[in-house]
Amino acid sequence: MSERGVASYETGSFGLSLLGWHDSLAAASAALPEGAYTTFRTYGGNAVVRLDQHLARLEESLVLKGTPGRIDPAAVRGALRNAITSSGNAESRVRLTFAPPRLFIAVEAFAPLPEWLYTDGVACVTLDLQRDNPRAKDTRFIATAQDAYERLPEGVEEALLVAPDGTVLEGLSSNFFAIRKSALRTEEARALAGVTRSLALEVAGALLPIQRVAVKRQELPLVDEAFITSVSREVLPVVRIDGRPTARGRVGPNTRAIMQGFAALVAREREAL
């Protein structure tokens, strides 16, 4: 079944209803009602990390959008278990979309990025863009992000969103971190509170001071290390931004330590659905 693409389901009192098949998670989201969403991946086929935190963020996003709703965690776990099993994927990437009272699940096959990207680092570009409601994971931003991805230069992994005051906020689908003068810096108030971001902060907090104030665009050439985080990328080093070397053009020791700590945390905390 996984060869058919992304399966989209609606949950309900009678179980899962298959809505259809799509070419991508973005296409699946475009076919659903407006709401809040969260995305995560499986480990070992049917284990996930901090699902309750993902569900809490769904509810929080809807409150921020002015359309609150409540989720039954036990029912969601059962629906996810059935959807993931039905997919037949070795590993899955899953998107939950909540448009109260309706809850949708989209599942696609997941394959991690090539290992060399974690060894050598990736390139990013900056983009003058920010979310209208930066604390809410709103499905309306998916189309904006997808359009921006289609216009990225070849070889660029991510676009970093920059506010009018020059602050580097986050990526189109990631959070951004910079290490400068032995401290980790990241935007707090105007960026999504990603679940993977919170895990990375837990790991990093044991290694170096954290300053919840982001770097400015003009500071990027001066940072010692940089990385982005997302559920699919986990902790991914950044070594070029806007065509110029960042972090001396190589993956730094603090980033490597955070990557290792993140992998250990996932191994400890993943739980079967």
C-alpha atoms as a PDB file:
ATOM      1  CA  MET A   1       0.000   0.000   0.000  1.00  0.00           C
ATOM      2  CA  SER A   2       2.846   2.419   0.720  1.00  0.00           C
ATOM      3  CA  GLU A   3       3.746   2.523  -2.998  1.00  0.00           C
ATOM      4  CA  ARG A   4       0.515   4.434  -3.604  1.00  0.00           C
ATOM      5  CA  GLY A   5       1.763   7.507  -1.752  1.00  0.00           C
ATOM      6  CA  VAL A   6       0.239   9.260   1.246  1.00  0.00           C
ATOM      7  CA  ALA A   7      -2.866   7.704   2.769  1.00  0.00           C
ATOM      8  CA  SER A   8      -5.325  10.148   4.328  1.00  0.00           C
ATOM      9  CA  TYR A   9      -7.864   9.043   6.954  1.00  0.00           C
ATOM     10  CA  GLU A  10     -10.581  10.561   9.098  1.00  0.00           C
ATOM     11  CA  THR A  11     -11.034   9.180  12.596  1.00  0.00           C
ATOM     12  CA  GLY A  12     -14.398   8.644  14.218  1.00  0.00           C
ATOM     13  CA  SER A  13     -16.430   6.536  16.583  1.00  0.00           C
ATOM     14  CA  PHE A  14     -16.516   3.735  13.989  1.00  0.00           C
ATOM     15  CA  GLY A  15     -12.750   3.714  13.420  1.00  0.00           C
ATOM     16  CA  LEU A  16     -10.750   4.953  10.453  1.00  0.00           C
ATOM     17  CA  SER A  17     -12.272   6.048   7.165  1.00  0.00           C
ATOM     18  CA  LEU A  18      -9.900   6.179   4.194  1.00  0.00           C
ATOM     19  CA  LEU A  19     -10.350   9.514   2.427  1.00  0.00           C
ATOM     20  CA  GLY A  20      -7.900   8.978  -0.412  1.00  0.00           C
ATOM     21  CA  TRP A  21      -4.322   8.918  -1.625  1.00  0.00           C
ATOM     22  CA  HIS A  22      -2.039  11.873  -2.311  1.00  0.00           C
ATOM     23  CA  ASP A  23       1.432  12.574  -3.689  1.00  0.00           C
ATOM     24  CA  SER A  24       2.691  14.308  -0.534  1.00  0.00           C
ATOM     25  CA  LEU A  25       1.731  15.316   2.987  1.00  0.00           C
ATOM     26  CA  ALA A  26       1.317  18.881   1.713  1.00  0.00           C
ATOM     27  CA  ALA A  27      -1.182  17.680  -0.899  1.00  0.00           C
ATOM     28  CA  ALA A  28      -3.035  15.669   1.724  1.00  0.00           C
ATOM     29  CA  SER A  29      -3.234  18.744   3.977  1.00  0.00           C
ATOM     30  CA  ALA A  30      -4.524  20.899   1.114  1.00  0.00           C
ATOM     31  CA  ALA A  31      -7.497  18.555   0.724  1.00  0.00           C
ATOM     32  CA  LEU A  32      -8.526  18.881   4.391  1.00  0.00           C
ATOM     33  CA  PRO A  33     -10.390  21.594   6.311  1.00  0.00           C
ATOM     34  CA  GLU A  34      -8.378  24.415   7.894  1.00  0.00           C
ATOM     35  CA  GLY A  35      -7.116  23.589  11.360  1.00  0.00           C
ATOM     36  CA  ALA A  36      -4.016  22.867  13.408  1.00  0.00           C
ATOM     37  CA  TYR A  37      -1.501  20.167  12.618  1.00  0.00           C
ATOM     38  CA  THR A  38       1.507  18.342  13.989  1.00  0.00           C
ATOM     39  CA  THR A  39       3.936  15.967  12.303  1.00  0.00           C
ATOM     40  CA  PHE A  40       6.059  13.172  13.728  1.00  0.00           C
ATOM     41  CA  ARG A  41       7.861  10.012  12.663  1.00  0.00           C
ATOM     42  CA  THR A  42       8.009   6.431  13.852  1.00  0.00           C
ATOM     43  CA  TYR A  43      10.984   4.540  15.258  1.00  0.00           C
ATOM     44  CA  GLY A  44      11.143   0.790  14.872  1.00  0.00           C
ATOM     45  CA  GLY A  45       7.927   0.812  12.874  1.00  0.00           C
ATOM     46  CA  ASN A  46       5.376   1.649  15.588  1.00  0.00           C
ATOM     47  CA  ALA A  47       7.127   3.690  18.295  1.00  0.00           C
ATOM     48  CA  VAL A  48       6.947   7.478  18.631  1.00  0.00           C
ATOM     49  CA  VAL A  49       8.496  10.115  20.866  1.00  0.00           C
ATOM     50  CA  ARG A  50       6.395  12.349  23.138  1.00  0.00           C
ATOM     51  CA  LEU A  51       3.079  11.896  21.384  1.00  0.00           C
ATOM     52  CA  ASP A  52       1.265  13.550  24.306  1.00  0.00           C
ATOM     53  CA  GLN A  53       3.310  16.696  23.721  1.00  0.00           C
ATOM     54  CA  HIS A  54       2.296  16.688  20.052  1.00  0.00           C
ATOM     55  CA  LEU A  55      -1.368  16.360  21.032  1.00  0.00           C
ATOM     56  CA  ALA A  56      -1.092  19.151  23.595  1.00  0.00           C
ATOM     57  CA  ARG A  57       0.403  21.411  20.941  1.00  0.00           C
ATOM     58  CA  LEU A  58      -2.528  20.661  18.632  1.00  0.00           C
ATOM     59  CA  GLU A  59      -4.943  21.837  21.313  1.00  0.00           C
ATOM     60  CA  GLU A  60      -2.798  24.876  22.126  1.00  0.00           C
ATOM     61  CA  SER A  61      -2.618  25.905  18.466  1.00  0.00           C
ATOM     62  CA  LEU A  62      -6.391  25.791  18.188  1.00  0.00           C
ATOM     63  CA  VAL A  63      -6.786  27.971  21.279  1.00  0.00           C
ATOM     64  CA  LEU A  64      -4.428  30.508  19.707  1.00  0.00           C
ATOM     65  CA  LYS A  65      -6.476  30.372  16.497  1.00  0.00           C
ATOM     66  CA  GLY A  66      -9.671  30.984  18.463  1.00  0.00           C
ATOM     67  CA  THR A  67     -11.206  27.579  17.630  1.00  0.00           C
ATOM     68  CA  PRO A  68     -10.533  25.393  20.690  1.00  0.00           C
ATOM     69  CA  GLY A  69     -11.103  21.658  20.748  1.00  0.00           C
ATOM     70  CA  ARG A  70     -10.332  18.635  22.919  1.00  0.00           C
ATOM     71  CA  ILE A  71      -8.531  15.418  21.940  1.00  0.00           C
ATOM     72  CA  ASP A  72      -8.976  11.949  23.444  1.00  0.00           C
ATOM     73  CA  PRO A  73      -5.345  10.693  23.642  1.00  0.00           C
ATOM     74  CA  ALA A  74      -6.314   7.025  24.021  1.00  0.00           C
ATOM     75  CA  ALA A  75      -8.571   7.142  20.957  1.00  0.00           C
ATOM     76  CA  VAL A  76      -5.880   8.912  18.932  1.00  0.00           C
ATOM     77  CA  ARG A  77      -3.277   6.317  19.870  1.00  0.00           C
ATOM     78  CA  GLY A  78      -5.557   3.536  18.701  1.00  0.00           C
ATOM     79  CA  ALA A  79      -6.323   5.289  15.418  1.00  0.00           C
ATOM     80  CA  LEU A  80      -2.647   5.984  14.809  1.00  0.00           C
ATOM     81  CA  ARG A  81      -1.746   2.370  15.504  1.00  0.00           C
ATOM     82  CA  ASN A  82      -4.288   1.185  12.929  1.00  0.00           C
ATOM     83  CA  ALA A  83      -3.298   3.774  10.312  1.00  0.00           C
ATOM     84  CA  ILE A  84       0.421   3.042  10.629  1.00  0.00           C
ATOM     85  CA  THR A  85      -0.132  -0.725  10.533  1.00  0.00           C
ATOM     86  CA  SER A  86      -2.327  -0.368   7.436  1.00  0.00           C
ATOM     87  CA  SER A  87       0.356   1.648   5.643  1.00  0.00           C
ATOM     88  CA  GLY A  88       2.776  -1.265   5.518  1.00  0.00           C
ATOM     89  CA  ASN A  89       5.727   1.135   5.804  1.00  0.00           C
ATOM     90  CA  ALA A  90       8.949   0.107   7.486  1.00  0.00           C
ATOM     91  CA  GLU A  91       8.950   3.594   9.017  1.00  0.00           C
ATOM     92  CA  SER A  92       6.290   6.272   8.694  1.00  0.00           C
ATOM     93  CA  ARG A  93       5.977  10.027   8.766  1.00  0.00           C
ATOM     94  CA  VAL A  94       2.599  10.994  10.179  1.00  0.00           C
ATOM     95  CA  ARG A  95       0.620  14.219  10.162  1.00  0.00           C
ATOM     96  CA  LEU A  96      -2.330  14.809  12.485  1.00  0.00           C
ATOM     97  CA  THR A  97      -4.732  17.564  11.465  1.00  0.00           C
ATOM     98  CA  PHE A  98      -7.363  18.721  13.945  1.00  0.00           C
ATOM     99  CA  ALA A  99     -10.301  20.782  12.698  1.00  0.00           C
ATOM    100  CA  PRO A 100     -12.727  20.393  15.618  1.00  0.00           C
ATOM    101  CA  PRO A 101     -14.536  18.133  15.944  1.00  0.00           C
ATOM    102  CA  ARG A 102     -12.855  16.305  13.048  1.00  0.00           C
ATOM    103  CA  LEU A 103      -9.429  14.662  13.330  1.00  0.00           C
ATOM    104  CA  PHE A 104      -7.457  13.454  10.323  1.00  0.00           C
ATOM    105  CA  ILE A 105      -4.378  11.251   9.933  1.00  0.00           C
ATOM    106  CA  ALA A 106      -2.062  11.244   6.902  1.00  0.00           C
ATOM    107  CA  VAL A 107       0.695   8.636   6.642  1.00  0.00           C
ATOM    108  CA  GLU A 108       3.629   8.388   4.245  1.00  0.00           C
ATOM    109  CA  ALA A 109       6.721   6.216   4.101  1.00  0.00           C
ATOM    110  CA  PHE A 110       9.663   7.791   5.917  1.00  0.00           C
ATOM    111  CA  ALA A 111      13.324   7.514   5.007  1.00  0.00           C
ATOM    112  CA  PRO A 112      15.961   9.530   6.884  1.00  0.00           C
ATOM    113  CA  LEU A 113      18.220  11.996   5.117  1.00  0.00           C
ATOM    114  CA  PRO A 114      21.559  10.679   3.807  1.00  0.00           C
ATOM    115  CA  GLU A 115      24.153  10.290   6.534  1.00  0.00           C
ATOM    116  CA  TRP A 116      26.649  12.527   4.721  1.00  0.00           C
ATOM    117  CA  LEU A 117      24.411  15.560   5.318  1.00  0.00           C
ATOM    118  CA  TYR A 118      24.920  15.080   9.058  1.00  0.00           C
ATOM    119  CA  THR A 119      28.659  14.620   8.595  1.00  0.00           C
ATOM    120  CA  ASP A 120      29.228  17.533   6.203  1.00  0.00           C
ATOM    121  CA  GLY A 121      26.333  19.872   7.058  1.00  0.00           C
ATOM    122  CA  VAL A 122      23.788  21.582   4.812  1.00  0.00           C
ATOM    123  CA  ALA A 123      23.174  24.933   3.165  1.00  0.00           C
ATOM    124  CA  CYS A 124      20.340  27.340   3.974  1.00  0.00           C
ATOM    125  CA  VAL A 125      19.166  30.685   2.644  1.00  0.00           C
ATOM    126  CA  THR A 126      17.407  33.523   4.461  1.00  0.00           C
ATOM    127  CA  LEU A 127      13.919  34.626   3.500  1.00  0.00           C
ATOM    128  CA  ASP A 128      12.005  37.747   4.525  1.00  0.00           C
ATOM    129  CA  LEU A 129       8.927  35.978   5.853  1.00  0.00           C
ATOM    130  CA  GLN A 130       7.263  35.147   9.158  1.00  0.00           C
ATOM    131  CA  ARG A 131       4.120  33.415  10.359  1.00  0.00           C
ATOM    132  CA  ASP A 132       1.041  35.519  11.063  1.00  0.00           C
ATOM    133  CA  ASN A 133       0.501  33.631  14.325  1.00  0.00           C
ATOM    134  CA  PRO A 134       3.973  32.319  15.185  1.00  0.00           C
ATOM    135  CA  ARG A 135       2.965  30.182  18.157  1.00  0.00           C
ATOM    136  CA  ALA A 136       0.204  28.284  16.337  1.00  0.00           C
ATOM    137  CA  LYS A 137       0.930  25.413  13.960  1.00  0.00           C
ATOM    138  CA  ASP A 138      -1.693  26.495  11.443  1.00  0.00           C
ATOM    139  CA  THR A 139      -2.440  24.475   8.295  1.00  0.00           C
ATOM    140  CA  ARG A 140      -2.745  27.719   6.330  1.00  0.00           C
ATOM    141  CA  PHE A 141       1.047  28.101   6.446  1.00  0.00           C
ATOM    142  CA  ILE A 142       1.647  24.756   4.708  1.00  0.00           C
ATOM    143  CA  ALA A 143       0.888  26.136   1.237  1.00  0.00           C
ATOM    144  CA  THR A 144       3.120  29.160   1.875  1.00  0.00           C
ATOM    145  CA  ALA A 145       5.985  26.901   2.917  1.00  0.00           C
ATOM    146  CA  GLN A 146       5.466  24.537  -0.005  1.00  0.00           C
ATOM    147  CA  ASP A 147       5.604  27.420  -2.479  1.00  0.00           C
ATOM    148  CA  ALA A 148       8.826  28.676  -0.897  1.00  0.00           C
ATOM    149  CA  TYR A 149      10.412  25.208  -1.016  1.00  0.00           C
ATOM    150  CA  GLU A 150       9.702  24.944  -4.719  1.00  0.00           C
ATOM    151  CA  ARG A 151      11.702  28.145  -5.289  1.00  0.00           C
ATOM    152  CA  LEU A 152      14.770  27.214  -3.230  1.00  0.00           C
ATOM    153  CA  PRO A 153      18.077  27.041  -5.135  1.00  0.00           C
ATOM    154  CA  GLU A 154      19.428  23.597  -5.913  1.00  0.00           C
ATOM    155  CA  GLY A 155      21.396  22.131  -3.035  1.00  0.00           C
ATOM    156  CA  VAL A 156      19.697  24.249  -0.360  1.00  0.00           C
ATOM    157  CA  GLU A 157      18.041  22.303   2.448  1.00  0.00           C
ATOM    158  CA  GLU A 158      16.030  25.014   4.194  1.00  0.00           C
ATOM    159  CA  ALA A 159      14.952  28.664   4.143  1.00  0.00           C
ATOM    160  CA  LEU A 160      15.390  30.598   7.391  1.00  0.00           C
ATOM    161  CA  LEU A 161      12.609  33.081   8.114  1.00  0.00           C
ATOM    162  CA  VAL A 162      13.762  36.604   8.958  1.00  0.00           C
ATOM    163  CA  ALA A 163      11.616  39.230  10.704  1.00  0.00           C
ATOM    164  CA  PRO A 164      11.549  42.894   9.610  1.00  0.00           C
ATOM    165  CA  ASP A 165      13.986  43.722  12.436  1.00  0.00           C
ATOM    166  CA  GLY A 166      16.523  41.247  11.018  1.00  0.00           C
ATOM    167  CA  THR A 167      15.993  38.494  13.590  1.00  0.00           C
ATOM    168  CA  VAL A 168      16.426  34.943  12.316  1.00  0.00           C
ATOM    169  CA  LEU A 169      13.251  33.288  13.587  1.00  0.00           C
ATOM    170  CA  GLU A 170      13.048  29.680  12.367  1.00  0.00           C
ATOM    171  CA  GLY A 171      12.968  27.612   9.185  1.00  0.00           C
ATOM    172  CA  LEU A 172      10.017  26.965   6.908  1.00  0.00           C
ATOM    173  CA  SER A 173       9.584  23.594   8.640  1.00  0.00           C
ATOM    174  CA  SER A 174      12.299  23.667  11.296  1.00  0.00           C
ATOM    175  CA  ASN A 175      13.693  25.574  14.268  1.00  0.00           C
ATOM    176  CA  PHE A 176      17.062  27.331  13.997  1.00  0.00           C
ATOM    177  CA  PHE A 177      19.886  27.424  16.539  1.00  0.00           C
ATOM    178  CA  ALA A 178      23.208  29.250  16.521  1.00  0.00           C
ATOM    179  CA  ILE A 179      26.151  28.858  18.871  1.00  0.00           C
ATOM    180  CA  ARG A 180      28.043  32.094  19.472  1.00  0.00           C
ATOM    181  CA  LYS A 181      30.647  32.783  22.154  1.00  0.00           C
ATOM    182  CA  SER A 182      30.014  29.405  23.826  1.00  0.00           C
ATOM    183  CA  ALA A 183      26.242  29.942  24.200  1.00  0.00           C
ATOM    184  CA  LEU A 184      23.308  28.497  22.284  1.00  0.00           C
ATOM    185  CA  ARG A 185      20.948  31.123  20.859  1.00  0.00           C
ATOM    186  CA  THR A 186      17.451  30.617  19.495  1.00  0.00           C
ATOM    187  CA  GLU A 187      14.302  32.669  19.003  1.00  0.00           C
ATOM    188  CA  GLU A 188      11.664  32.093  21.679  1.00  0.00           C
ATOM    189  CA  ALA A 189       8.667  34.415  21.303  1.00  0.00           C
ATOM    190  CA  ARG A 190       8.214  34.557  17.528  1.00  0.00           C
ATOM    191  CA  ALA A 191       8.866  30.964  16.482  1.00  0.00           C
ATOM    192  CA  LEU A 192       6.994  27.681  16.774  1.00  0.00           C
ATOM    193  CA  ALA A 193       7.642  25.751  19.956  1.00  0.00           C
ATOM    194  CA  GLY A 194       8.546  22.562  18.097  1.00  0.00           C
ATOM    195  CA  VAL A 195       8.590  19.269  19.960  1.00  0.00           C
ATOM    196  CA  THR A 196      11.958  18.387  18.446  1.00  0.00           C
ATOM    197  CA  ARG A 197      13.152  21.868  19.424  1.00  0.00           C
ATOM    198  CA  SER A 198      12.262  21.175  23.057  1.00  0.00           C
ATOM    199  CA  LEU A 199      14.183  17.883  22.981  1.00  0.00           C
ATOM    200  CA  ALA A 200      17.243  19.596  21.504  1.00  0.00           C
ATOM    201  CA  LEU A 201      17.080  22.277  24.206  1.00  0.00           C
ATOM    202  CA  GLU A 202      16.975  19.603  26.913  1.00  0.00           C
ATOM    203  CA  VAL A 203      20.100  17.997  25.512  1.00  0.00           C
ATOM    204  CA  ALA A 204      21.913  21.291  24.838  1.00  0.00           C
ATOM    205  CA  GLY A 205      21.123  22.638  28.315  1.00  0.00           C
ATOM    206  CA  ALA A 206      23.449  20.060  29.826  1.00  0.00           C
ATOM    207  CA  LEU A 207      26.291  21.134  27.546  1.00  0.00           C
ATOM    208  CA  LEU A 208      26.296  24.923  27.318  1.00  0.00           C
ATOM    209  CA  PRO A 209      24.350  28.054  28.357  1.00  0.00           C
ATOM    210  CA  ILE A 210      21.141  28.796  26.462  1.00  0.00           C
ATOM    211  CA  GLN A 211      20.160  32.329  25.466  1.00  0.00           C
ATOM    212  CA  ARG A 212      16.584  32.519  24.191  1.00  0.00           C
ATOM    213  CA  VAL A 213      17.395  35.510  22.004  1.00  0.00           C
ATOM    214  CA  ALA A 214      18.037  34.800  18.343  1.00  0.00           C
ATOM    215  CA  VAL A 215      20.886  36.034  16.203  1.00  0.00           C
ATOM    216  CA  LYS A 216      20.371  38.742  13.602  1.00  0.00           C
ATOM    217  CA  ARG A 217      20.896  38.150   9.902  1.00  0.00           C
ATOM    218  CA  GLN A 218      24.069  40.252   9.941  1.00  0.00           C
ATOM    219  CA  GLU A 219      25.492  38.057  12.725  1.00  0.00           C
ATOM    220  CA  LEU A 220      25.231  34.806  10.755  1.00  0.00           C
ATOM    221  CA  PRO A 221      28.782  34.929   9.309  1.00  0.00           C
ATOM    222  CA  LEU A 222      30.096  35.291  12.874  1.00  0.00           C
ATOM    223  CA  VAL A 223      28.433  32.288  14.522  1.00  0.00           C
ATOM    224  CA  ASP A 224      30.647  29.427  15.694  1.00  0.00           C
ATOM    225  CA  GLU A 225      28.124  26.663  14.891  1.00  0.00           C
ATOM    226  CA  ALA A 226      24.567  26.388  13.595  1.00  0.00           C
ATOM    227  CA  PHE A 227      21.915  23.721  13.156  1.00  0.00           C
ATOM    228  CA  ILE A 228      18.230  23.217  12.448  1.00  0.00           C
ATOM    229  CA  THR A 229      15.827  20.775  14.074  1.00  0.00           C
ATOM    230  CA  SER A 230      12.634  19.099  12.911  1.00  0.00           C
ATOM    231  CA  VAL A 231      10.974  15.753  13.402  1.00  0.00           C
ATOM    232  CA  SER A 232      12.255  14.424  10.068  1.00  0.00           C
ATOM    233  CA  ARG A 233      15.723  15.960  10.231  1.00  0.00           C
ATOM    234  CA  GLU A 234      16.255  15.633  14.007  1.00  0.00           C
ATOM    235  CA  VAL A 235      19.425  17.729  14.586  1.00  0.00           C
ATOM    236  CA  LEU A 236      20.942  18.757  11.235  1.00  0.00           C
ATOM    237  CA  PRO A 237      24.125  20.878  11.062  1.00  0.00           C
ATOM    238  CA  VAL A 238      24.179  24.041   8.929  1.00  0.00           C
ATOM    239  CA  VAL A 239      27.490  25.120   7.385  1.00  0.00           C
ATOM    240  CA  ARG A 240      26.462  27.611   4.659  1.00  0.00           C
ATOM    241  CA  ILE A 241      23.868  30.374   4.678  1.00  0.00           C
ATOM    242  CA  ASP A 242      23.142  32.640   1.711  1.00  0.00           C
ATOM    243  CA  GLY A 243      26.088  31.160  -0.163  1.00  0.00           C
ATOM    244  CA  ARG A 244      28.663  32.009   2.506  1.00  0.00           C
ATOM    245  CA  PRO A 245      30.350  29.629   4.952  1.00  0.00           C
ATOM    246  CA  THR A 246      28.815  29.681   8.408  1.00  0.00           C
ATOM    247  CA  ALA A 247      30.418  28.083  11.434  1.00  0.00           C
ATOM    248  CA  ARG A 248      33.718  28.041   9.513  1.00  0.00           C
ATOM    249  CA  GLY A 249      32.083  25.785   6.946  1.00  0.00           C
ATOM    250  CA  ARG A 250      32.212  22.650   9.083  1.00  0.00           C
ATOM    251  CA  VAL A 251      30.213  20.803  11.718  1.00  0.00           C
ATOM    252  CA  GLY A 252      31.357  21.896  15.169  1.00  0.00           C
ATOM    253  CA  PRO A 253      31.948  19.839  18.329  1.00  0.00           C
ATOM    254  CA  ASN A 254      28.952  21.212  20.252  1.00  0.00           C
ATOM    255  CA  THR A 255      26.603  20.360  17.404  1.00  0.00           C
ATOM    256  CA  ARG A 256      28.014  16.837  17.248  1.00  0.00           C
ATOM    257  CA  ALA A 257      27.527  16.435  20.986  1.00  0.00           C
ATOM    258  CA  ILE A 258      23.921  17.641  20.737  1.00  0.00           C
ATOM    259  CA  MET A 259      23.293  15.208  17.870  1.00  0.00           C
ATOM    260  CA  GLN A 260      24.637  12.331  19.960  1.00  0.00           C
ATOM    261  CA  GLY A 261      22.650  13.390  23.011  1.00  0.00           C
ATOM    262  CA  PHE A 262      19.501  13.700  20.937  1.00  0.00           C
ATOM    263  CA  ALA A 263      19.900  10.157  19.570  1.00  0.00           C
ATOM    264  CA  ALA A 264      20.361   8.834  23.104  1.00  0.00           C
ATOM    265  CA  LEU A 265      17.271  10.692  24.334  1.00  0.00           C
ATOM    266  CA  VAL A 266      15.147   9.262  21.503  1.00  0.00           C
ATOM    267  CA  ALA A 267      16.388   5.756  22.286  1.00  0.00           C
ATOM    268  CA  ARG A 268      15.321   6.218  25.919  1.00  0.00           C
ATOM    269  CA  GLU A 269      11.956   7.845  25.331  1.00  0.00           C
ATOM    270  CA  ARG A 270      10.421   6.235  22.269  1.00  0.00           C
ATOM    271  CA  GLU A 271       7.320   4.237  23.150  1.00  0.00           C
ATOM    272  CA  ALA A 272       5.122   1.881  21.180  1.00  0.00           C
ATOM    273  CA  LEU A 273       1.663   3.097  20.253  1.00  0.00           C
END
